[in-house]
C-alpha atoms as a PDB file:
ATOM      1  CA  MET A   1      -0.015  -0.024   0.014  1.00  0.00           C
ATOM      2  CA  PRO A   2       1.470   3.387  -0.875  1.00  0.00           C
ATOM      3  CA  PRO A   3       1.810   5.915   1.921  1.00  0.00           C
ATOM      4  CA  VAL A   4      -1.251   8.041   2.735  1.00  0.00           C
ATOM      5  CA  SER A   5      -0.692  11.778   2.296  1.00  0.00           C
ATOM      6  CA  THR A   6      -2.481  14.841   3.650  1.00  0.00           C
ATOM      7  CA  ASP A   7      -5.594  15.916   1.741  1.00  0.00           C
ATOM      8  CA  SER A   8      -5.862  12.670  -0.178  1.00  0.00           C
ATOM      9  CA  GLU A   9      -9.015  10.528  -0.327  1.00  0.00           C
ATOM     10  CA  HIS A  10      -8.988   6.762   0.194  1.00  0.00           C
ATOM     11  CA  ARG A  11     -11.565   4.052   0.594  1.00  0.00           C
ATOM     12  CA  SER A  12     -11.427   1.284   3.154  1.00  0.00           C
ATOM     13  CA  ARG A  13     -13.798  -1.617   3.543  1.00  0.00           C
ATOM     14  CA  ALA A  14     -13.939  -4.991   5.162  1.00  0.00           C
ATOM     15  CA  GLU A  15     -15.927  -8.153   4.212  1.00  0.00           C
ATOM     16  CA  LEU A  16     -16.616 -11.106   6.460  1.00  0.00           C
ATOM     17  CA  ASN A  17     -17.721 -14.160   4.442  1.00  0.00           C
ATOM     18  CA  GLY A  18     -18.149 -17.088   6.786  1.00  0.00           C
ATOM     19  CA  LEU A  19     -14.896 -17.127   8.730  1.00  0.00           C
ATOM     20  CA  GLN A  20     -12.898 -15.362   5.978  1.00  0.00           C
ATOM     21  CA  LEU A  21     -12.194 -11.657   6.744  1.00  0.00           C
ATOM     22  CA  ARG A  22     -10.793  -9.469   3.964  1.00  0.00           C
ATOM     23  CA  GLU A  23      -9.733  -5.849   4.270  1.00  0.00           C
ATOM     24  CA  PHE A  24      -9.613  -3.601   1.190  1.00  0.00           C
ATOM     25  CA  ALA A  25      -7.892  -0.221   0.717  1.00  0.00           C
ATOM     26  CA  ASP A  26      -8.819   1.613  -2.477  1.00  0.00           C
ATOM     27  CA  ASP A  27     -10.519  -1.574  -3.783  1.00  0.00           C
ATOM     28  CA  ARG A  28      -7.308  -3.611  -3.356  1.00  0.00           C
ATOM     29  CA  VAL A  29      -7.082  -6.547  -0.914  1.00  0.00           C
ATOM     30  CA  VAL A  30      -4.493  -5.578   1.700  1.00  0.00           C
ATOM     31  CA  TRP A  31      -5.228  -8.105   4.417  1.00  0.00           C
ATOM     32  CA  GLU A  32      -6.867 -11.476   4.461  1.00  0.00           C
ATOM     33  CA  ARG A  33      -7.210 -14.001   7.350  1.00  0.00           C
ATOM     34  CA  SER A  34      -9.583 -16.530   8.845  1.00  0.00           C
ATOM     35  CA  VAL A  35     -11.150 -15.520  12.103  1.00  0.00           C
ATOM     36  CA  PRO A  36     -11.706 -18.010  14.930  1.00  0.00           C
ATOM     37  CA  PRO A  37     -15.195 -19.590  15.051  1.00  0.00           C
ATOM     38  CA  ASN A  38     -15.988 -17.879  18.387  1.00  0.00           C
ATOM     39  CA  ALA A  39     -15.791 -14.453  16.560  1.00  0.00           C
ATOM     40  CA  LEU A  40     -19.209 -15.204  15.095  1.00  0.00           C
ATOM     41  CA  SER A  41     -20.752 -15.598  18.560  1.00  0.00           C
ATOM     42  CA  PHE A  42     -20.066 -11.920  19.366  1.00  0.00           C
ATOM     43  CA  ASN A  43     -23.302 -10.123  20.285  1.00  0.00           C
ATOM     44  CA  GLY A  44     -22.606  -6.517  21.106  1.00  0.00           C
ATOM     45  CA  PRO A  45     -22.026  -3.048  19.757  1.00  0.00           C
ATOM     46  CA  VAL A  46     -19.728  -2.448  16.828  1.00  0.00           C
ATOM     47  CA  GLY A  47     -17.614   0.659  16.651  1.00  0.00           C
ATOM     48  CA  ILE A  48     -15.182   2.526  14.446  1.00  0.00           C
ATOM     49  CA  ARG A  49     -12.365   4.575  15.823  1.00  0.00           C
ATOM     50  CA  SER A  50     -10.489   7.258  13.867  1.00  0.00           C
ATOM     51  CA  ASP A  51      -8.210  10.154  14.621  1.00  0.00           C
ATOM     52  CA  ASN A  52      -7.706  13.270  12.494  1.00  0.00           C
ATOM     53  CA  ALA A  53      -9.934  12.064   9.689  1.00  0.00           C
ATOM     54  CA  ARG A  54     -13.100  13.180   7.919  1.00  0.00           C
ATOM     55  CA  LEU A  55     -15.152  10.070   7.310  1.00  0.00           C
ATOM     56  CA  GLN A  56     -18.139   9.120   5.351  1.00  0.00           C
ATOM     57  CA  LEU A  57     -19.478   5.685   6.446  1.00  0.00           C
ATOM     58  CA  ARG A  58     -21.922   3.210   5.080  1.00  0.00           C
ATOM     59  CA  LEU A  59     -22.788   0.028   6.977  1.00  0.00           C
ATOM     60  CA  LEU A  60     -24.115  -2.870   4.909  1.00  0.00           C
ATOM     61  CA  THR A  61     -25.210  -6.080   6.583  1.00  0.00           C
ATOM     62  CA  ALA A  62     -27.062  -9.278   5.814  1.00  0.00           C
ATOM     63  CA  PRO A  63     -30.438  -9.723   7.421  1.00  0.00           C
ATOM     64  CA  ALA A  64     -30.343 -10.688  11.111  1.00  0.00           C
ATOM     65  CA  LEU A  65     -30.455 -14.403  11.810  1.00  0.00           C
ATOM     66  CA  GLY A  66     -32.002 -13.976  15.271  1.00  0.00           C
ATOM     67  CA  PRO A  67     -33.326 -11.329  17.636  1.00  0.00           C
ATOM     68  CA  VAL A  68     -31.647  -7.881  17.294  1.00  0.00           C
ATOM     69  CA  GLN A  69     -30.535  -6.251  20.496  1.00  0.00           C
ATOM     70  CA  ARG A  70     -30.638  -2.484  20.584  1.00  0.00           C
ATOM     71  CA  PRO A  71     -28.414  -0.418  22.893  1.00  0.00           C
ATOM     72  CA  CYS A  72     -30.030   1.085  26.016  1.00  0.00           C
ATOM     73  CA  PRO A  73     -30.534   4.883  25.766  1.00  0.00           C
ATOM     74  CA  GLY A  74     -27.625   6.716  27.379  1.00  0.00           C
ATOM     75  CA  ALA A  75     -25.327   3.679  27.262  1.00  0.00           C
ATOM     76  CA  GLY A  76     -22.507   5.490  25.499  1.00  0.00           C
ATOM     77  CA  GLY A  77     -24.068   5.642  22.097  1.00  0.00           C
ATOM     78  CA  GLU A  78     -26.791   7.467  20.306  1.00  0.00           C
ATOM     79  CA  GLY A  79     -30.326   6.848  21.455  1.00  0.00           C
ATOM     80  CA  GLY A  80     -33.090   8.723  23.061  1.00  0.00           C
END
């Protein structure tokens, strides 16, 4: 991956297909690994952390396979 410079725009995305996790930068695969099976049992909030960046985010997911848990209002995230 070439170095990132100030005032340049880049795209990052991740795909989880079964246990295979792939990370893309500017539509190029830059990291690919299998995750342990217990990673799929995670049932909690998902977050993104960034510093000194202007971000535009889009979250795409498959339909839920079971009950969806929503965060409690005031539990550190948005909610009302």
